[in-house]
Amino acid sequence: MAKQINELIKKVIGEAEGKLRPINEINKAWPCAAGEKIAAKTRPAVLKKGMLIVLASDPGTSFLLDIEKQRIVKKLNSKLSFKISGIVIRSGEIEE
């Protein structure tokens, strides 16, 4: 019984790590790809079907991110072990 529980725990943890690995990789590359000004006021939140959902702290930052998103996608794709197809911008609170 204990062996089955241990195997189940390892499986669940492995699946969770697999789901978090892409966003963790994006978070590491984000400051370089987005640049300091944008990175300071944004946060990659979720990768869903190849689209990166990014939270922006204010409308001005959302606008700047919208202008730069194609460049950022290209830079991210050059740094990541997988490709993203685009960025979707959402308003949200950014923890500093």
C-alpha atoms as a PDB file:
ATOM      1  CA  MET A   1       0.000   0.000   0.000  1.00  0.00           C
ATOM      2  CA  ALA A   2       2.768   2.450   0.951  1.00  0.00           C
ATOM      3  CA  LYS A   3       4.598   1.671  -2.300  1.00  0.00           C
ATOM      4  CA  GLN A   4       1.447   2.442  -4.339  1.00  0.00           C
ATOM      5  CA  ILE A   5       0.956   5.750  -2.504  1.00  0.00           C
ATOM      6  CA  ASN A   6       4.616   6.644  -3.058  1.00  0.00           C
ATOM      7  CA  GLU A   7       4.318   5.883  -6.792  1.00  0.00           C
ATOM      8  CA  LEU A   8       1.116   7.950  -7.011  1.00  0.00           C
ATOM      9  CA  ILE A   9       2.799  10.904  -5.281  1.00  0.00           C
ATOM     10  CA  LYS A  10       5.771  10.728  -7.672  1.00  0.00           C
ATOM     11  CA  LYS A  11       3.400  10.630 -10.647  1.00  0.00           C
ATOM     12  CA  VAL A  12       1.378  13.654  -9.459  1.00  0.00           C
ATOM     13  CA  ILE A  13       4.518  15.666  -8.679  1.00  0.00           C
ATOM     14  CA  GLY A  14       6.008  14.762 -12.065  1.00  0.00           C
ATOM     15  CA  GLU A  15       2.852  15.886 -13.875  1.00  0.00           C
ATOM     16  CA  ALA A  16       2.784  19.171 -11.924  1.00  0.00           C
ATOM     17  CA  GLU A  17       6.441  19.854 -12.717  1.00  0.00           C
ATOM     18  CA  GLY A  18       5.789  19.118 -16.386  1.00  0.00           C
ATOM     19  CA  LYS A  19       2.985  21.672 -16.483  1.00  0.00           C
ATOM     20  CA  LEU A  20       5.056  24.322 -14.687  1.00  0.00           C
ATOM     21  CA  ARG A  21       8.271  23.801 -16.653  1.00  0.00           C
ATOM     22  CA  PRO A  22       7.238  25.928 -19.687  1.00  0.00           C
ATOM     23  CA  ILE A  23       6.124  28.948 -17.632  1.00  0.00           C
ATOM     24  CA  ASN A  24       9.249  28.695 -15.468  1.00  0.00           C
ATOM     25  CA  GLU A  25      11.399  28.697 -18.594  1.00  0.00           C
ATOM     26  CA  ILE A  26       9.482  31.722 -19.917  1.00  0.00           C
ATOM     27  CA  ASN A  27       9.882  33.579 -16.603  1.00  0.00           C
ATOM     28  CA  LYS A  28      13.662  33.121 -16.778  1.00  0.00           C
ATOM     29  CA  ALA A  29      13.836  34.451 -20.353  1.00  0.00           C
ATOM     30  CA  TRP A  30      11.232  37.210 -19.910  1.00  0.00           C
ATOM     31  CA  PRO A  31      13.429  40.102 -18.614  1.00  0.00           C
ATOM     32  CA  CYS A  32      15.902  39.725 -21.480  1.00  0.00           C
ATOM     33  CA  ALA A  33      13.218  39.237 -24.140  1.00  0.00           C
ATOM     34  CA  ALA A  34      10.854  41.971 -22.959  1.00  0.00           C
ATOM     35  CA  GLY A  35      13.437  44.463 -21.770  1.00  0.00           C
ATOM     36  CA  GLU A  36      13.716  45.958 -18.292  1.00  0.00           C
ATOM     37  CA  LYS A  37      10.987  48.592 -18.692  1.00  0.00           C
ATOM     38  CA  ILE A  38       8.301  46.154 -19.850  1.00  0.00           C
ATOM     39  CA  ALA A  39       9.465  43.269 -17.643  1.00  0.00           C
ATOM     40  CA  ALA A  40       9.221  45.431 -14.523  1.00  0.00           C
ATOM     41  CA  LYS A  41       5.505  46.045 -15.092  1.00  0.00           C
ATOM     42  CA  THR A  42       4.422  42.716 -16.598  1.00  0.00           C
ATOM     43  CA  ARG A  43       4.310  39.045 -15.678  1.00  0.00           C
ATOM     44  CA  PRO A  44       3.948  35.991 -17.885  1.00  0.00           C
ATOM     45  CA  ALA A  45       1.005  34.162 -16.324  1.00  0.00           C
ATOM     46  CA  VAL A  46      -0.100  31.171 -18.388  1.00  0.00           C
ATOM     47  CA  LEU A  47       0.861  29.373 -21.571  1.00  0.00           C
ATOM     48  CA  LYS A  48      -2.296  28.072 -23.225  1.00  0.00           C
ATOM     49  CA  LYS A  49      -2.270  26.335 -26.617  1.00  0.00           C
ATOM     50  CA  GLY A  50       0.907  28.149 -27.599  1.00  0.00           C
ATOM     51  CA  MET A  51      -0.371  31.576 -26.586  1.00  0.00           C
ATOM     52  CA  LEU A  52       1.387  33.330 -23.723  1.00  0.00           C
ATOM     53  CA  ILE A  53      -0.974  35.269 -21.476  1.00  0.00           C
ATOM     54  CA  VAL A  54       0.867  38.199 -19.933  1.00  0.00           C
ATOM     55  CA  LEU A  55      -0.436  40.403 -17.135  1.00  0.00           C
ATOM     56  CA  ALA A  56       0.283  44.117 -17.456  1.00  0.00           C
ATOM     57  CA  SER A  57       0.059  46.492 -14.505  1.00  0.00           C
ATOM     58  CA  ASP A  58      -1.399  49.506 -16.320  1.00  0.00           C
ATOM     59  CA  PRO A  59      -2.793  50.664 -19.686  1.00  0.00           C
ATOM     60  CA  GLY A  60       0.443  52.353 -20.734  1.00  0.00           C
ATOM     61  CA  THR A  61       2.401  49.174 -20.222  1.00  0.00           C
ATOM     62  CA  SER A  62      -0.284  47.197 -22.066  1.00  0.00           C
ATOM     63  CA  PHE A  63       0.082  49.564 -25.017  1.00  0.00           C
ATOM     64  CA  LEU A  64       3.888  49.322 -24.997  1.00  0.00           C
ATOM     65  CA  LEU A  65       3.709  45.517 -24.756  1.00  0.00           C
ATOM     66  CA  ASP A  66       1.250  45.414 -27.642  1.00  0.00           C
ATOM     67  CA  ILE A  67       3.648  47.396 -29.826  1.00  0.00           C
ATOM     68  CA  GLU A  68       6.613  45.182 -28.887  1.00  0.00           C
ATOM     69  CA  LYS A  69       4.935  41.761 -28.694  1.00  0.00           C
ATOM     70  CA  GLN A  70       6.113  40.449 -32.094  1.00  0.00           C
ATOM     71  CA  ARG A  71       9.712  41.300 -31.246  1.00  0.00           C
ATOM     72  CA  ILE A  72       9.323  39.715 -27.803  1.00  0.00           C
ATOM     73  CA  VAL A  73       7.849  36.508 -29.257  1.00  0.00           C
ATOM     74  CA  LYS A  74      10.802  36.209 -31.656  1.00  0.00           C
ATOM     75  CA  LYS A  75      13.285  36.762 -28.858  1.00  0.00           C
ATOM     76  CA  LEU A  76      11.521  34.295 -26.546  1.00  0.00           C
ATOM     77  CA  ASN A  77      11.366  31.677 -29.281  1.00  0.00           C
ATOM     78  CA  SER A  78      15.116  32.007 -29.782  1.00  0.00           C
ATOM     79  CA  LYS A  79      15.697  31.319 -26.078  1.00  0.00           C
ATOM     80  CA  LEU A  80      13.079  28.665 -25.255  1.00  0.00           C
ATOM     81  CA  SER A  81      13.154  24.918 -25.847  1.00  0.00           C
ATOM     82  CA  PHE A  82       9.661  25.245 -27.382  1.00  0.00           C
ATOM     83  CA  LYS A  83       7.864  27.881 -29.441  1.00  0.00           C
ATOM     84  CA  ILE A  84       5.088  30.274 -28.524  1.00  0.00           C
ATOM     85  CA  SER A  85       2.778  31.582 -31.215  1.00  0.00           C
ATOM     86  CA  GLY A  86       1.805  34.906 -29.699  1.00  0.00           C
ATOM     87  CA  ILE A  87       1.087  37.048 -26.661  1.00  0.00           C
ATOM     88  CA  VAL A  88      -2.303  37.912 -25.198  1.00  0.00           C
ATOM     89  CA  ILE A  89      -2.291  40.910 -22.860  1.00  0.00           C
ATOM     90  CA  ARG A  90      -4.494  41.072 -19.763  1.00  0.00           C
ATOM     91  CA  SER A  91      -4.693  43.671 -17.014  1.00  0.00           C
ATOM     92  CA  GLY A  92      -3.552  42.371 -13.684  1.00  0.00           C
ATOM     93  CA  GLU A  93      -1.743  43.046 -10.475  1.00  0.00           C
ATOM     94  CA  ILE A  94       2.006  42.558 -10.666  1.00  0.00           C
ATOM     95  CA  GLU A  95       3.892  41.527  -7.538  1.00  0.00           C
ATOM     96  CA  GLU A  96       7.267  43.185  -7.146  1.00  0.00           C
END
